[in-house]
Each structure stands twice: as C-alpha cells, then as structure tokens.
Amino acid sequence: MYFSRAAHLVLLFEQIYAMQPKPRTFLHKTVYDANAIEQLANQLPPGVTKDLFQSFSLCGTCKAFKRFGEEHDGGYLHCMDSLQPSTLRAAYSMGVEQHDQWSLDVFNAFNIPIFQYDCTVSTPAQVCEKCQFFPACMASKELNKFPGKTTWTLKEAIDQSKMSDAPDRSLLMKMDIEFGEWSTLTDSDMAILKKFRQLVIEFHGLEHEQNHKTYLQTMQALQHAGFKVAHVHGNNFASTYVKENFKIPMVVEVTLDASVAMLPKCRDPNYEELDRPNNVAGPEIRDIHTEPTERE
C-alpha cells in the first residue's frame, strides 16, 4: 500500500530526527547531511514496483566494456576494468540452447574451464578445449519447471563441476534460462553467490507486477552478495514496461560486478557503443528510466 505524500513526509521527518533513516532498498546511499530532508522528500513513496525499477539503476562504474558472444542475440557486455585471467578459476554458461559463442569467447580470452548447462538439448552448442557440457537445467529446490529432466540448484552445479573450493570472486557466469533466473538466484546461498566476480544475466517478465515482490527479493540477494549493476541492455524481442514515469524493457540483459567502484549517485542506465539489437529487424531500446526525477 502506498502512503500519501503528506504521510510519507511525516514519516521521513520522524526518521531523520531519530537519526535512524532507512536506506533505499537497493544500492543507494542514505544521505545524512543538511540536504537529507529535501532529497528524501523528492523520493516517491515506497513500493515494491518502484523499488524493483531502481534495483536496475546503474550504480557501478566501468571504464572499459568488451562484448562476449554473438554479434546480436546471445552477446553480452562484460566490464574489463579488473578482469584478469590470473584472478579467474572458471566460467559458467547457464542456458546454451542452439548458440553459445559466449563460451568460446570467454575461453579464448581467459583460458579457463567453461561449464555449460542446458537440459533442453542433448549436446552443447559450442565446444572448446576446456568446455564441459552438462545436460542439466538450473532450478530452485521448490520450483522445477522441467519434469523428467535433470535439474540442479546453483550450488549443485558448482559441486558437480568440482569448483566448490573456488575462492570468492573467482568465477564468471552468463545466465539466460527463460524466467528460471529469479528462483534460481533467490534460492542460492550467499556463500555460492560470493564465489562469482561478475554475472551477466538476462532477466525476463518485468511486466508481471504480481511477481515484483519475488523479483525484488532476487535483486536484493544479489546486492547483499556485493554485486553492483554496471550495465543494462534491453532485449528488443520484447516490448517496454511503463509505470508512471518509469520505463524498463520487459527483458533486460544486466551486467553485475562485485569488484567495480560505486558511482557517487546511481543513475538511469545508458546505451553503450558495443550494444547491439537482439532482434536485427526491430528498433533498439535506448530509453530506460529507473531513477525518480525531482518532480516525481
């Protein structure tokens, strides 16, 4: 339930006087200086949907991106600022279907083992010297959308690949598993998430407001594991979800990094030079608005 603006301001004043203001839900610094009242007053009343929008705001800084994977659908941007081969143990390609150039590109760049997963195909879409394919899909313990198929939690996938002893921040992951990302990531132990240094994840179904509470829990779990959003690209095979003055693609490809520095202030995602339309026949999605303006 949303508060009225007046009630919301009263609550904010009480928080400030008590010297215990609550931080914004995702990746935003609480302001304690003389501008606190004005900045808090300009925020929209709290709500799951708006918090979810802001969870996709750009909050991590990256100076150099590199594209891994296909030129269009199947290609993703990684932040290369501190991504050195000597710091990486392995990479995980979750969801390979019929194309997986990402696996070959990552292997060629870092010469590390690549573990590929997909229970909807019997063979990998891409092979390399250190690639290993598992005919298994990712799923939470409670939600299995693939009856009769092999499904693993993220922890089970790590165990099966014999990387359970990998140091924190030594793994990479690309995940495109058609809605399964939400439950798989939310169900993952914090210790498992912290083994990863960088994630590129395609998030689906952002237009489904009835699921926003669950989606927000997933994004909060990633934030608590230390990840910051470094890049967001809209998949133009889907449309755009609009709520009041906010807008975001219904399907987004998100680069999350645990090693990049925090921006002074989170902002709307921007289009990068290496971004490409997933659907070459359709217009690219460039306008993403996840942050409230002053008048909002």
C-alpha atoms as a PDB file:
ATOM      1  CA  MET A   1       0.000   0.000   0.000  1.00  0.00           C
ATOM      2  CA  TYR A   2       1.354   3.426  -0.883  1.00  0.00           C
ATOM      3  CA  PHE A   3       1.429   6.260   1.648  1.00  0.00           C
ATOM      4  CA  SER A   4       0.021   9.657   0.754  1.00  0.00           C
ATOM      5  CA  ARG A   5       2.780  12.207   0.044  1.00  0.00           C
ATOM      6  CA  ALA A   6       1.980  14.090   3.284  1.00  0.00           C
ATOM      7  CA  ALA A   7       2.098  10.938   5.384  1.00  0.00           C
ATOM      8  CA  HIS A   8       5.294   9.944   3.662  1.00  0.00           C
ATOM      9  CA  LEU A   9       6.938  13.280   4.538  1.00  0.00           C
ATOM     10  CA  VAL A  10       5.896  12.961   8.182  1.00  0.00           C
ATOM     11  CA  LEU A  11       7.486   9.535   8.318  1.00  0.00           C
ATOM     12  CA  LEU A  12      10.661  10.858   6.744  1.00  0.00           C
ATOM     13  CA  PHE A  13      10.925  13.716   9.270  1.00  0.00           C
ATOM     14  CA  GLU A  14      10.486  11.237  12.119  1.00  0.00           C
ATOM     15  CA  GLN A  15      13.263   9.070  10.713  1.00  0.00           C
ATOM     16  CA  ILE A  16      15.641  11.981  10.378  1.00  0.00           C
ATOM     17  CA  TYR A  17      15.006  13.307  13.890  1.00  0.00           C
ATOM     18  CA  ALA A  18      15.513   9.824  15.272  1.00  0.00           C
ATOM     19  CA  MET A  19      18.863   9.716  13.411  1.00  0.00           C
ATOM     20  CA  GLN A  20      17.883   6.319  12.049  1.00  0.00           C
ATOM     21  CA  PRO A  21      16.835   6.905   8.450  1.00  0.00           C
ATOM     22  CA  LYS A  22      16.280   3.798   6.428  1.00  0.00           C
ATOM     23  CA  PRO A  23      18.407   3.348   3.292  1.00  0.00           C
ATOM     24  CA  ARG A  24      16.810   2.921  -0.098  1.00  0.00           C
ATOM     25  CA  THR A  25      16.141  -0.676  -0.884  1.00  0.00           C
ATOM     26  CA  PHE A  26      18.885  -1.269  -3.453  1.00  0.00           C
ATOM     27  CA  LEU A  27      22.329   0.169  -3.981  1.00  0.00           C
ATOM     28  CA  HIS A  28      21.622   3.731  -2.812  1.00  0.00           C
ATOM     29  CA  LYS A  29      23.486   5.623  -0.109  1.00  0.00           C
ATOM     30  CA  THR A  30      21.464   7.155   2.696  1.00  0.00           C
ATOM     31  CA  VAL A  31      22.037  10.920   2.996  1.00  0.00           C
ATOM     32  CA  TYR A  32      22.610  12.269   6.493  1.00  0.00           C
ATOM     33  CA  ASP A  33      23.684  15.856   5.716  1.00  0.00           C
ATOM     34  CA  ALA A  34      21.687  19.095   5.624  1.00  0.00           C
ATOM     35  CA  ASN A  35      20.110  18.141   2.305  1.00  0.00           C
ATOM     36  CA  ALA A  36      18.597  14.949   3.708  1.00  0.00           C
ATOM     37  CA  ILE A  37      15.075  16.316   4.129  1.00  0.00           C
ATOM     38  CA  GLU A  38      14.930  17.743   0.611  1.00  0.00           C
ATOM     39  CA  GLN A  39      16.370  14.641  -1.040  1.00  0.00           C
ATOM     40  CA  LEU A  40      14.124  12.261   0.867  1.00  0.00           C
ATOM     41  CA  ALA A  41      11.072  14.400   0.178  1.00  0.00           C
ATOM     42  CA  ASN A  42      11.747  14.147  -3.555  1.00  0.00           C
ATOM     43  CA  GLN A  43      11.565  10.359  -3.469  1.00  0.00           C
ATOM     44  CA  LEU A  44       8.392   8.556  -4.386  1.00  0.00           C
ATOM     45  CA  PRO A  45       6.567   6.800  -1.560  1.00  0.00           C
ATOM     46  CA  PRO A  46       7.998   3.293  -1.119  1.00  0.00           C
ATOM     47  CA  GLY A  47       6.573   0.449  -3.122  1.00  0.00           C
ATOM     48  CA  VAL A  48       7.752  -2.889  -4.438  1.00  0.00           C
ATOM     49  CA  THR A  49       7.415  -1.986  -8.123  1.00  0.00           C
ATOM     50  CA  LYS A  50       9.317   1.287  -7.813  1.00  0.00           C
ATOM     51  CA  ASP A  51      11.985  -0.369  -5.701  1.00  0.00           C
ATOM     52  CA  LEU A  52      12.321  -3.012  -8.390  1.00  0.00           C
ATOM     53  CA  PHE A  53      12.781  -0.331 -11.061  1.00  0.00           C
ATOM     54  CA  GLN A  54      15.552   1.251  -9.001  1.00  0.00           C
ATOM     55  CA  SER A  55      17.264  -2.093  -8.499  1.00  0.00           C
ATOM     56  CA  PHE A  56      18.207  -1.869 -12.196  1.00  0.00           C
ATOM     57  CA  SER A  57      19.737   1.602 -11.889  1.00  0.00           C
ATOM     58  CA  LEU A  58      23.373   1.951 -12.887  1.00  0.00           C
ATOM     59  CA  CYS A  59      25.320   2.028  -9.604  1.00  0.00           C
ATOM     60  CA  GLY A  60      28.719   0.563 -10.515  1.00  0.00           C
ATOM     61  CA  THR A  61      31.319   2.379 -12.574  1.00  0.00           C
ATOM     62  CA  CYS A  62      33.042   0.711 -15.529  1.00  0.00           C
ATOM     63  CA  LYS A  63      35.554   2.319 -17.892  1.00  0.00           C
ATOM     64  CA  ALA A  64      36.024  -0.490 -20.424  1.00  0.00           C
ATOM     65  CA  PHE A  65      33.493  -2.978 -21.767  1.00  0.00           C
ATOM     66  CA  LYS A  66      34.085  -5.947 -24.050  1.00  0.00           C
ATOM     67  CA  ARG A  67      31.434  -7.918 -25.890  1.00  0.00           C
ATOM     68  CA  PHE A  68      31.423 -11.708 -25.491  1.00  0.00           C
ATOM     69  CA  GLY A  69      29.121 -13.913 -27.557  1.00  0.00           C
ATOM     70  CA  GLU A  70      27.176 -13.373 -30.736  1.00  0.00           C
ATOM     71  CA  GLU A  71      27.008 -10.052 -32.564  1.00  0.00           C
ATOM     72  CA  HIS A  72      23.307  -9.802 -31.788  1.00  0.00           C
ATOM     73  CA  ASP A  73      21.162 -12.160 -29.674  1.00  0.00           C
ATOM     74  CA  GLY A  74      23.478 -14.122 -27.382  1.00  0.00           C
ATOM     75  CA  GLY A  75      26.078 -11.373 -26.963  1.00  0.00           C
ATOM     76  CA  TYR A  76      26.731  -9.667 -23.622  1.00  0.00           C
ATOM     77  CA  LEU A  77      28.933  -6.869 -22.296  1.00  0.00           C
ATOM     78  CA  HIS A  78      31.498  -7.610 -19.583  1.00  0.00           C
ATOM     79  CA  CYS A  79      33.325  -4.963 -17.601  1.00  0.00           C
ATOM     80  CA  MET A  80      37.050  -5.462 -18.188  1.00  0.00           C
ATOM     81  CA  ASP A  81      38.410  -2.921 -15.690  1.00  0.00           C
ATOM     82  CA  SER A  82      39.944  -5.531 -13.406  1.00  0.00           C
ATOM     83  CA  LEU A  83      39.037  -8.800 -15.107  1.00  0.00           C
ATOM     84  CA  GLN A  84      42.411 -10.545 -15.342  1.00  0.00           C
ATOM     85  CA  PRO A  85      42.934 -14.225 -16.278  1.00  0.00           C
ATOM     86  CA  SER A  86      45.109 -14.776 -13.207  1.00  0.00           C
ATOM     87  CA  THR A  87      42.168 -13.972 -10.916  1.00  0.00           C
ATOM     88  CA  LEU A  88      39.661 -16.348 -12.557  1.00  0.00           C
ATOM     89  CA  ARG A  89      39.158 -20.076 -11.998  1.00  0.00           C
ATOM     90  CA  ALA A  90      36.210 -20.942 -14.270  1.00  0.00           C
ATOM     91  CA  ALA A  91      33.157 -19.652 -16.124  1.00  0.00           C
ATOM     92  CA  TYR A  92      29.567 -20.895 -16.259  1.00  0.00           C
ATOM     93  CA  SER A  93      27.239 -20.684 -19.244  1.00  0.00           C
ATOM     94  CA  MET A  94      23.730 -21.318 -17.939  1.00  0.00           C
ATOM     95  CA  GLY A  95      21.378 -21.917 -20.872  1.00  0.00           C
ATOM     96  CA  VAL A  96      23.148 -22.669 -24.173  1.00  0.00           C
ATOM     97  CA  GLU A  97      20.287 -23.880 -26.405  1.00  0.00           C
ATOM     98  CA  GLN A  98      21.387 -23.575 -30.055  1.00  0.00           C
ATOM     99  CA  HIS A  99      24.056 -20.861 -29.732  1.00  0.00           C
ATOM    100  CA  ASP A 100      26.798 -20.287 -27.192  1.00  0.00           C
ATOM    101  CA  GLN A 101      29.546 -18.176 -28.730  1.00  0.00           C
ATOM    102  CA  TRP A 102      29.960 -16.696 -25.242  1.00  0.00           C
ATOM    103  CA  SER A 103      31.660 -19.895 -24.038  1.00  0.00           C
ATOM    104  CA  LEU A 104      34.237 -19.848 -26.820  1.00  0.00           C
ATOM    105  CA  ASP A 105      34.920 -16.125 -26.450  1.00  0.00           C
ATOM    106  CA  VAL A 106      35.456 -16.418 -22.688  1.00  0.00           C
ATOM    107  CA  PHE A 107      37.735 -19.432 -23.130  1.00  0.00           C
ATOM    108  CA  ASN A 108      39.822 -17.629 -25.750  1.00  0.00           C
ATOM    109  CA  ALA A 109      40.089 -14.534 -23.550  1.00  0.00           C
ATOM    110  CA  PHE A 110      40.921 -16.194 -20.237  1.00  0.00           C
ATOM    111  CA  ASN A 111      41.918 -19.839 -20.970  1.00  0.00           C
ATOM    112  CA  ILE A 112      39.792 -21.144 -18.085  1.00  0.00           C
ATOM    113  CA  PRO A 113      37.388 -24.109 -17.848  1.00  0.00           C
ATOM    114  CA  ILE A 114      33.909 -23.383 -19.195  1.00  0.00           C
ATOM    115  CA  PHE A 115      30.942 -25.298 -17.769  1.00  0.00           C
ATOM    116  CA  GLN A 116      27.806 -25.325 -19.930  1.00  0.00           C
ATOM    117  CA  TYR A 117      24.283 -26.251 -18.793  1.00  0.00           C
ATOM    118  CA  ASP A 118      21.003 -26.917 -20.586  1.00  0.00           C
ATOM    119  CA  CYS A 119      18.539 -29.789 -20.165  1.00  0.00           C
ATOM    120  CA  THR A 120      16.568 -28.864 -23.303  1.00  0.00           C
ATOM    121  CA  VAL A 121      19.363 -30.016 -25.656  1.00  0.00           C
ATOM    122  CA  SER A 122      21.475 -33.158 -25.714  1.00  0.00           C
ATOM    123  CA  THR A 123      24.716 -31.639 -26.987  1.00  0.00           C
ATOM    124  CA  PRO A 124      26.491 -28.313 -26.460  1.00  0.00           C
ATOM    125  CA  ALA A 125      26.090 -25.537 -29.000  1.00  0.00           C
ATOM    126  CA  GLN A 126      29.787 -24.698 -28.729  1.00  0.00           C
ATOM    127  CA  VAL A 127      32.826 -26.809 -27.949  1.00  0.00           C
ATOM    128  CA  CYS A 128      36.307 -25.808 -26.869  1.00  0.00           C
ATOM    129  CA  GLU A 129      39.379 -27.424 -25.355  1.00  0.00           C
ATOM    130  CA  LYS A 130      38.234 -26.774 -21.767  1.00  0.00           C
ATOM    131  CA  CYS A 131      34.464 -26.771 -22.295  1.00  0.00           C
ATOM    132  CA  GLN A 132      32.363 -29.324 -20.415  1.00  0.00           C
ATOM    133  CA  PHE A 133      28.656 -29.729 -21.088  1.00  0.00           C
ATOM    134  CA  PHE A 134      26.058 -30.909 -18.548  1.00  0.00           C
ATOM    135  CA  PRO A 135      22.529 -31.768 -19.814  1.00  0.00           C
ATOM    136  CA  ALA A 136      21.017 -30.106 -16.747  1.00  0.00           C
ATOM    137  CA  CYS A 137      18.883 -27.026 -16.162  1.00  0.00           C
ATOM    138  CA  MET A 138      19.048 -24.608 -13.250  1.00  0.00           C
ATOM    139  CA  ALA A 139      16.124 -24.597 -10.811  1.00  0.00           C
ATOM    140  CA  SER A 140      15.364 -23.839  -7.186  1.00  0.00           C
ATOM    141  CA  LYS A 141      14.703 -26.667  -4.752  1.00  0.00           C
ATOM    142  CA  GLU A 142      10.990 -25.857  -4.672  1.00  0.00           C
ATOM    143  CA  LEU A 143      10.332 -24.941  -8.313  1.00  0.00           C
ATOM    144  CA  ASN A 144      11.168 -27.437 -11.055  1.00  0.00           C
ATOM    145  CA  LYS A 145       9.792 -26.498 -14.473  1.00  0.00           C
ATOM    146  CA  PHE A 146      11.446 -29.439 -16.206  1.00  0.00           C
ATOM    147  CA  PRO A 147       9.797 -32.693 -15.027  1.00  0.00           C
ATOM    148  CA  GLY A 148      11.691 -35.726 -16.180  1.00  0.00           C
ATOM    149  CA  LYS A 149      14.828 -33.675 -16.839  1.00  0.00           C
ATOM    150  CA  THR A 150      17.937 -33.241 -14.725  1.00  0.00           C
ATOM    151  CA  THR A 151      17.776 -30.026 -12.707  1.00  0.00           C
ATOM    152  CA  TRP A 152      20.317 -28.616 -10.291  1.00  0.00           C
ATOM    153  CA  THR A 153      20.482 -25.712  -7.925  1.00  0.00           C
ATOM    154  CA  LEU A 154      23.381 -23.336  -8.446  1.00  0.00           C
ATOM    155  CA  LYS A 155      25.205 -24.965  -5.554  1.00  0.00           C
ATOM    156  CA  GLU A 156      24.735 -28.412  -7.105  1.00  0.00           C
ATOM    157  CA  ALA A 157      26.090 -27.117 -10.401  1.00  0.00           C
ATOM    158  CA  ILE A 158      29.172 -25.760  -8.621  1.00  0.00           C
ATOM    159  CA  ASP A 159      29.643 -29.066  -6.815  1.00  0.00           C
ATOM    160  CA  GLN A 160      29.216 -31.131  -9.998  1.00  0.00           C
ATOM    161  CA  SER A 161      31.851 -29.027 -11.757  1.00  0.00           C
ATOM    162  CA  LYS A 162      34.221 -29.591  -8.817  1.00  0.00           C
ATOM    163  CA  MET A 163      34.562 -25.885  -8.107  1.00  0.00           C
ATOM    164  CA  SER A 164      33.152 -25.862  -4.589  1.00  0.00           C
ATOM    165  CA  ASP A 165      36.571 -24.811  -3.283  1.00  0.00           C
ATOM    166  CA  ALA A 166      36.891 -21.882  -5.691  1.00  0.00           C
ATOM    167  CA  PRO A 167      37.907 -18.661  -3.895  1.00  0.00           C
ATOM    168  CA  ASP A 168      35.443 -15.820  -3.610  1.00  0.00           C
ATOM    169  CA  ARG A 169      35.191 -13.604  -6.719  1.00  0.00           C
ATOM    170  CA  SER A 170      36.991 -16.110  -8.950  1.00  0.00           C
ATOM    171  CA  LEU A 171      34.105 -17.258 -11.192  1.00  0.00           C
ATOM    172  CA  LEU A 172      32.177 -15.754 -14.106  1.00  0.00           C
ATOM    173  CA  MET A 173      28.623 -16.560 -15.156  1.00  0.00           C
ATOM    174  CA  LYS A 174      26.286 -15.953 -18.063  1.00  0.00           C
ATOM    175  CA  MET A 175      22.670 -16.924 -17.324  1.00  0.00           C
ATOM    176  CA  ASP A 176      19.847 -16.969 -19.863  1.00  0.00           C
ATOM    177  CA  ILE A 177      17.349 -19.554 -18.630  1.00  0.00           C
ATOM    178  CA  GLU A 178      13.946 -18.076 -19.563  1.00  0.00           C
ATOM    179  CA  PHE A 179      12.386 -16.959 -16.245  1.00  0.00           C
ATOM    180  CA  GLY A 180      14.302 -19.548 -14.195  1.00  0.00           C
ATOM    181  CA  GLU A 181      16.850 -16.934 -13.127  1.00  0.00           C
ATOM    182  CA  TRP A 182      14.577 -15.423 -10.469  1.00  0.00           C
ATOM    183  CA  SER A 183      14.026 -18.533  -8.375  1.00  0.00           C
ATOM    184  CA  THR A 184      17.485 -19.989  -9.022  1.00  0.00           C
ATOM    185  CA  LEU A 185      19.299 -16.897  -7.776  1.00  0.00           C
ATOM    186  CA  THR A 186      16.958 -16.232  -4.841  1.00  0.00           C
ATOM    187  CA  ASP A 187      17.391 -19.826  -3.677  1.00  0.00           C
ATOM    188  CA  SER A 188      21.200 -19.667  -3.879  1.00  0.00           C
ATOM    189  CA  ASP A 189      23.294 -19.491  -0.735  1.00  0.00           C
ATOM    190  CA  MET A 190      25.151 -16.228  -0.157  1.00  0.00           C
ATOM    191  CA  ALA A 191      28.407 -18.173   0.011  1.00  0.00           C
ATOM    192  CA  ILE A 192      27.793 -19.517  -3.506  1.00  0.00           C
ATOM    193  CA  LEU A 193      26.915 -16.116  -4.964  1.00  0.00           C
ATOM    194  CA  LYS A 194      30.081 -14.611  -3.489  1.00  0.00           C
ATOM    195  CA  LYS A 195      32.224 -17.066  -5.453  1.00  0.00           C
ATOM    196  CA  PHE A 196      31.294 -15.095  -8.568  1.00  0.00           C
ATOM    197  CA  ARG A 197      33.044 -11.915  -9.563  1.00  0.00           C
ATOM    198  CA  GLN A 198      30.835 -10.920 -12.461  1.00  0.00           C
ATOM    199  CA  LEU A 199      27.425 -12.017 -13.698  1.00  0.00           C
ATOM    200  CA  VAL A 200      25.661 -11.314 -16.977  1.00  0.00           C
ATOM    201  CA  ILE A 201      22.029 -12.285 -16.568  1.00  0.00           C
ATOM    202  CA  GLU A 202      19.018 -11.977 -18.825  1.00  0.00           C
ATOM    203  CA  PHE A 203      16.036 -11.147 -16.613  1.00  0.00           C
ATOM    204  CA  HIS A 204      12.584 -11.919 -18.024  1.00  0.00           C
ATOM    205  CA  GLY A 205       8.996 -10.895 -17.364  1.00  0.00           C
ATOM    206  CA  LEU A 206       9.416  -7.490 -15.736  1.00  0.00           C
ATOM    207  CA  GLU A 207       5.898  -6.570 -16.835  1.00  0.00           C
ATOM    208  CA  HIS A 208       4.353  -9.098 -14.428  1.00  0.00           C
ATOM    209  CA  GLU A 209       3.593  -6.896 -11.415  1.00  0.00           C
ATOM    210  CA  GLN A 210       2.205  -9.812  -9.411  1.00  0.00           C
ATOM    211  CA  ASN A 211       5.772 -11.204  -9.363  1.00  0.00           C
ATOM    212  CA  HIS A 212       7.559  -7.987  -8.441  1.00  0.00           C
ATOM    213  CA  LYS A 213       7.938  -8.883  -4.773  1.00  0.00           C
ATOM    214  CA  THR A 214       9.745 -12.086  -5.728  1.00  0.00           C
ATOM    215  CA  TYR A 215      11.828 -10.288  -8.350  1.00  0.00           C
ATOM    216  CA  LEU A 216      12.864  -7.650  -5.837  1.00  0.00           C
ATOM    217  CA  GLN A 217      13.982 -10.354  -3.409  1.00  0.00           C
ATOM    218  CA  THR A 218      16.263 -11.708  -6.131  1.00  0.00           C
ATOM    219  CA  MET A 219      17.800  -8.310  -6.821  1.00  0.00           C
ATOM    220  CA  GLN A 220      18.268  -7.678  -3.102  1.00  0.00           C
ATOM    221  CA  ALA A 221      20.011 -11.041  -2.723  1.00  0.00           C
ATOM    222  CA  LEU A 222      22.483 -10.042  -5.438  1.00  0.00           C
ATOM    223  CA  GLN A 223      23.031  -6.676  -3.785  1.00  0.00           C
ATOM    224  CA  HIS A 224      23.656  -8.322  -0.417  1.00  0.00           C
ATOM    225  CA  ALA A 225      26.200 -10.578  -2.141  1.00  0.00           C
ATOM    226  CA  GLY A 226      28.118  -7.441  -3.155  1.00  0.00           C
ATOM    227  CA  PHE A 227      27.061  -7.022  -6.781  1.00  0.00           C
ATOM    228  CA  LYS A 228      26.506  -3.635  -8.414  1.00  0.00           C
ATOM    229  CA  VAL A 229      24.694  -3.041 -11.690  1.00  0.00           C
ATOM    230  CA  ALA A 230      27.316  -1.925 -14.234  1.00  0.00           C
ATOM    231  CA  HIS A 231      25.282  -2.155 -17.430  1.00  0.00           C
ATOM    232  CA  VAL A 232      21.721  -2.754 -18.609  1.00  0.00           C
ATOM    233  CA  HIS A 233      20.652  -3.533 -22.169  1.00  0.00           C
ATOM    234  CA  GLY A 234      17.086  -4.080 -23.324  1.00  0.00           C
ATOM    235  CA  ASN A 235      16.242  -7.152 -25.388  1.00  0.00           C
ATOM    236  CA  ASN A 236      14.120  -5.762 -28.217  1.00  0.00           C
ATOM    237  CA  PHE A 237      12.437  -9.093 -28.908  1.00  0.00           C
ATOM    238  CA  ALA A 238      10.137  -7.899 -26.105  1.00  0.00           C
ATOM    239  CA  SER A 239       8.446  -4.548 -25.508  1.00  0.00           C
ATOM    240  CA  THR A 240       8.845  -1.949 -22.746  1.00  0.00           C
ATOM    241  CA  TYR A 241       7.088  -1.934 -19.369  1.00  0.00           C
ATOM    242  CA  VAL A 242       5.964   1.524 -18.257  1.00  0.00           C
ATOM    243  CA  LYS A 243       4.742   2.554 -14.796  1.00  0.00           C
ATOM    244  CA  GLU A 244       4.049   6.246 -14.196  1.00  0.00           C
ATOM    245  CA  ASN A 245       7.263   7.986 -15.346  1.00  0.00           C
ATOM    246  CA  PHE A 246       9.416   4.877 -15.082  1.00  0.00           C
ATOM    247  CA  LYS A 247      10.157   2.593 -18.004  1.00  0.00           C
ATOM    248  CA  ILE A 248      12.228  -0.525 -18.485  1.00  0.00           C
ATOM    249  CA  PRO A 249      12.388  -3.262 -21.145  1.00  0.00           C
ATOM    250  CA  MET A 250      10.357  -6.339 -20.250  1.00  0.00           C
ATOM    251  CA  VAL A 251      13.511  -8.395 -20.833  1.00  0.00           C
ATOM    252  CA  VAL A 252      16.885  -6.952 -19.817  1.00  0.00           C
ATOM    253  CA  GLU A 253      20.477  -8.142 -20.068  1.00  0.00           C
ATOM    254  CA  VAL A 254      22.275  -6.976 -16.946  1.00  0.00           C
ATOM    255  CA  THR A 255      25.988  -6.927 -16.116  1.00  0.00           C
ATOM    256  CA  LEU A 256      26.561  -7.166 -12.353  1.00  0.00           C
ATOM    257  CA  ASP A 257      30.054  -6.816 -10.925  1.00  0.00           C
ATOM    258  CA  ALA A 258      31.273  -7.247  -7.364  1.00  0.00           C
ATOM    259  CA  SER A 259      34.629  -5.552  -7.932  1.00  0.00           C
ATOM    260  CA  VAL A 260      33.760  -2.210  -9.562  1.00  0.00           C
ATOM    261  CA  ALA A 261      33.592   1.040  -7.608  1.00  0.00           C
ATOM    262  CA  MET A 262      30.293   2.603  -6.596  1.00  0.00           C
ATOM    263  CA  LEU A 263      29.093   5.631  -8.527  1.00  0.00           C
ATOM    264  CA  PRO A 264      28.617   8.778  -6.405  1.00  0.00           C
ATOM    265  CA  LYS A 265      24.948   8.590  -7.323  1.00  0.00           C
ATOM    266  CA  CYS A 266      23.026   5.838  -9.077  1.00  0.00           C
ATOM    267  CA  ARG A 267      21.526   6.859 -12.426  1.00  0.00           C
ATOM    268  CA  ASP A 268      19.484   5.659 -15.361  1.00  0.00           C
ATOM    269  CA  PRO A 269      21.229   3.010 -17.500  1.00  0.00           C
ATOM    270  CA  ASN A 270      22.837   4.283 -20.685  1.00  0.00           C
ATOM    271  CA  TYR A 271      23.345   2.756 -24.112  1.00  0.00           C
ATOM    272  CA  GLU A 272      26.910   1.579 -24.782  1.00  0.00           C
ATOM    273  CA  GLU A 273      28.782   1.634 -28.089  1.00  0.00           C
ATOM    274  CA  LEU A 274      29.117  -2.172 -28.079  1.00  0.00           C
ATOM    275  CA  ASP A 275      25.390  -2.768 -27.520  1.00  0.00           C
ATOM    276  CA  ARG A 276      23.547  -4.415 -30.404  1.00  0.00           C
ATOM    277  CA  PRO A 277      19.847  -5.140 -31.010  1.00  0.00           C
ATOM    278  CA  ASN A 278      18.890  -8.727 -30.214  1.00  0.00           C
ATOM    279  CA  ASN A 279      16.300  -8.587 -32.978  1.00  0.00           C
ATOM    280  CA  VAL A 280      18.034  -7.141 -36.037  1.00  0.00           C
ATOM    281  CA  ALA A 281      14.664  -6.442 -37.662  1.00  0.00           C
ATOM    282  CA  GLY A 282      13.417  -4.204 -34.834  1.00  0.00           C
ATOM    283  CA  PRO A 283      14.461  -0.854 -33.352  1.00  0.00           C
ATOM    284  CA  GLU A 284      16.865  -0.855 -30.438  1.00  0.00           C
ATOM    285  CA  ILE A 285      15.589   0.064 -26.958  1.00  0.00           C
ATOM    286  CA  ARG A 286      17.654   3.018 -25.737  1.00  0.00           C
ATOM    287  CA  ASP A 287      15.366   4.871 -23.315  1.00  0.00           C
ATOM    288  CA  ILE A 288      15.423   3.262 -19.848  1.00  0.00           C
ATOM    289  CA  HIS A 289      14.238   5.292 -16.869  1.00  0.00           C
ATOM    290  CA  THR A 290      14.730   3.688 -13.443  1.00  0.00           C
ATOM    291  CA  GLU A 291      15.527   6.701 -11.253  1.00  0.00           C
ATOM    292  CA  PRO A 292      12.975   9.221  -9.931  1.00  0.00           C
ATOM    293  CA  THR A 293      13.275  12.840 -11.041  1.00  0.00           C
ATOM    294  CA  GLU A 294      12.734  15.779  -8.699  1.00  0.00           C
ATOM    295  CA  ARG A 295       9.165  16.245  -9.787  1.00  0.00           C
ATOM    296  CA  GLU A 296       8.491  12.567  -9.165  1.00  0.00           C
END
